[in-house]
Amino acid sequence: MKTTNTSFLNRHPWIYVVLAFVLLISAWSALISVAVKNSPATIEVTKDR
């Protein structure tokens, strides 16, 4: 008799996809929060004519 030793992640490969999306969303949210905190100063533009 041959027994197969498969891990939980090998039996459920979709978990890798979920982890990749979580990593991607957390990276984007970190980049956006840094960009919002370090935004440039606003400059008012007026029309001369």
N, C-alpha and C. Protein backbone atom coordinates (compact mmCIF):
# COMPACT_ATOMS: atom_id res chain seq x y z
N MET A 1 0.82 -1.18 0.00
CA MET A 1 0.00 0.00 0.00
C MET A 1 0.88 1.25 0.00
N LYS A 2 0.52 2.17 -0.84
CA LYS A 2 1.29 3.41 -0.93
C LYS A 2 0.47 4.55 -0.32
N THR A 3 1.04 5.23 0.64
CA THR A 3 0.35 6.36 1.25
C THR A 3 0.93 7.64 0.69
N THR A 4 0.05 8.55 0.41
CA THR A 4 0.50 9.85 -0.11
C THR A 4 0.41 10.87 1.00
N ASN A 5 1.49 11.56 1.17
CA ASN A 5 1.56 12.63 2.17
C ASN A 5 1.43 13.96 1.43
N THR A 6 0.25 14.50 1.37
CA THR A 6 0.05 15.79 0.71
C THR A 6 -0.29 16.82 1.78
N SER A 7 0.30 17.96 1.63
CA SER A 7 0.06 19.03 2.61
C SER A 7 -1.26 19.73 2.29
N PHE A 8 -1.67 20.55 3.22
CA PHE A 8 -2.93 21.29 3.07
C PHE A 8 -2.88 22.21 1.86
N LEU A 9 -1.76 22.90 1.66
CA LEU A 9 -1.64 23.83 0.54
C LEU A 9 -1.58 23.11 -0.80
N ASN A 10 -1.04 21.90 -0.83
CA ASN A 10 -1.02 21.15 -2.08
C ASN A 10 -2.41 20.63 -2.44
N ARG A 11 -3.23 20.40 -1.45
CA ARG A 11 -4.60 19.97 -1.72
C ARG A 11 -5.51 21.12 -2.09
N HIS A 12 -5.16 22.34 -1.68
CA HIS A 12 -5.97 23.53 -1.96
C HIS A 12 -5.09 24.61 -2.61
N PRO A 13 -4.78 24.47 -3.89
CA PRO A 13 -3.88 25.46 -4.52
C PRO A 13 -4.49 26.83 -4.71
N TRP A 14 -5.81 26.98 -4.60
CA TRP A 14 -6.45 28.28 -4.76
C TRP A 14 -6.07 29.22 -3.62
N ILE A 15 -5.56 28.67 -2.51
CA ILE A 15 -5.14 29.52 -1.39
C ILE A 15 -3.97 30.40 -1.79
N TYR A 16 -3.11 29.90 -2.69
CA TYR A 16 -2.00 30.72 -3.20
C TYR A 16 -2.53 31.94 -3.94
N VAL A 17 -3.61 31.77 -4.68
CA VAL A 17 -4.20 32.90 -5.42
C VAL A 17 -4.78 33.91 -4.45
N VAL A 18 -5.46 33.44 -3.41
CA VAL A 18 -6.03 34.34 -2.41
C VAL A 18 -4.92 35.10 -1.68
N LEU A 19 -3.85 34.40 -1.32
CA LEU A 19 -2.73 35.06 -0.65
C LEU A 19 -2.07 36.09 -1.55
N ALA A 20 -1.97 35.79 -2.84
CA ALA A 20 -1.39 36.75 -3.77
C ALA A 20 -2.24 38.01 -3.88
N PHE A 21 -3.57 37.85 -3.92
CA PHE A 21 -4.45 39.03 -3.98
C PHE A 21 -4.39 39.83 -2.69
N VAL A 22 -4.31 39.17 -1.56
CA VAL A 22 -4.19 39.88 -0.28
C VAL A 22 -2.90 40.67 -0.24
N LEU A 23 -1.82 40.07 -0.70
CA LEU A 23 -0.53 40.76 -0.75
C LEU A 23 -0.59 41.95 -1.70
N LEU A 24 -1.22 41.78 -2.84
CA LEU A 24 -1.34 42.86 -3.82
C LEU A 24 -2.18 44.02 -3.28
N ILE A 25 -3.30 43.71 -2.65
CA ILE A 25 -4.16 44.76 -2.11
C ILE A 25 -3.47 45.49 -0.97
N SER A 26 -2.74 44.76 -0.13
CA SER A 26 -2.05 45.44 0.97
C SER A 26 -0.92 46.32 0.45
N ALA A 27 -0.23 45.89 -0.59
CA ALA A 27 0.83 46.72 -1.17
C ALA A 27 0.25 47.99 -1.79
N TRP A 28 -0.86 47.86 -2.51
CA TRP A 28 -1.49 49.04 -3.11
C TRP A 28 -2.00 50.00 -2.04
N SER A 29 -2.60 49.47 -0.99
CA SER A 29 -3.10 50.37 0.05
C SER A 29 -1.96 51.06 0.78
N ALA A 30 -0.84 50.39 0.96
CA ALA A 30 0.32 51.04 1.58
C ALA A 30 0.86 52.15 0.68
N LEU A 31 0.96 51.88 -0.62
CA LEU A 31 1.45 52.91 -1.54
C LEU A 31 0.51 54.10 -1.61
N ILE A 32 -0.78 53.86 -1.61
CA ILE A 32 -1.75 54.96 -1.68
C ILE A 32 -1.72 55.78 -0.40
N SER A 33 -1.60 55.12 0.74
CA SER A 33 -1.56 55.88 2.00
C SER A 33 -0.29 56.72 2.10
N VAL A 34 0.84 56.22 1.62
CA VAL A 34 2.07 57.01 1.62
C VAL A 34 1.94 58.18 0.66
N ALA A 35 1.31 57.96 -0.49
CA ALA A 35 1.13 59.04 -1.47
C ALA A 35 0.19 60.12 -0.94
N VAL A 36 -0.83 59.74 -0.20
CA VAL A 36 -1.75 60.74 0.36
C VAL A 36 -1.07 61.54 1.46
N LYS A 37 -0.26 60.89 2.28
CA LYS A 37 0.43 61.61 3.35
C LYS A 37 1.49 62.56 2.82
N ASN A 38 2.09 62.25 1.70
CA ASN A 38 3.17 63.06 1.13
C ASN A 38 2.73 63.77 -0.14
N SER A 39 1.49 64.21 -0.18
CA SER A 39 0.98 64.88 -1.38
C SER A 39 1.61 66.27 -1.51
N PRO A 40 1.78 66.74 -2.73
CA PRO A 40 2.35 68.08 -2.91
C PRO A 40 1.35 69.16 -2.51
N ALA A 41 1.88 70.35 -2.29
CA ALA A 41 1.03 71.48 -1.90
C ALA A 41 0.14 71.88 -3.07
N THR A 42 -1.06 72.34 -2.74
CA THR A 42 -1.99 72.74 -3.79
C THR A 42 -1.66 74.18 -4.24
N ILE A 43 -1.81 74.42 -5.52
CA ILE A 43 -1.55 75.74 -6.10
C ILE A 43 -2.84 76.21 -6.75
N GLU A 44 -3.28 77.40 -6.34
CA GLU A 44 -4.50 77.95 -6.94
C GLU A 44 -4.18 78.56 -8.29
N VAL A 45 -5.01 78.25 -9.24
CA VAL A 45 -4.85 78.80 -10.58
C VAL A 45 -5.98 79.79 -10.80
N THR A 46 -5.61 81.04 -11.11
CA THR A 46 -6.63 82.06 -11.35
C THR A 46 -6.57 82.50 -12.81
N LYS A 47 -7.71 82.89 -13.29
CA LYS A 47 -7.79 83.35 -14.67
C LYS A 47 -7.58 84.86 -14.69
N ASP A 48 -6.60 85.34 -15.46
CA ASP A 48 -6.26 86.77 -15.50
C ASP A 48 -7.23 87.58 -16.33
N ARG A 49 -7.81 87.01 -17.29
CA ARG A 49 -8.65 87.79 -18.21
C ARG A 49 -10.09 87.73 -17.88
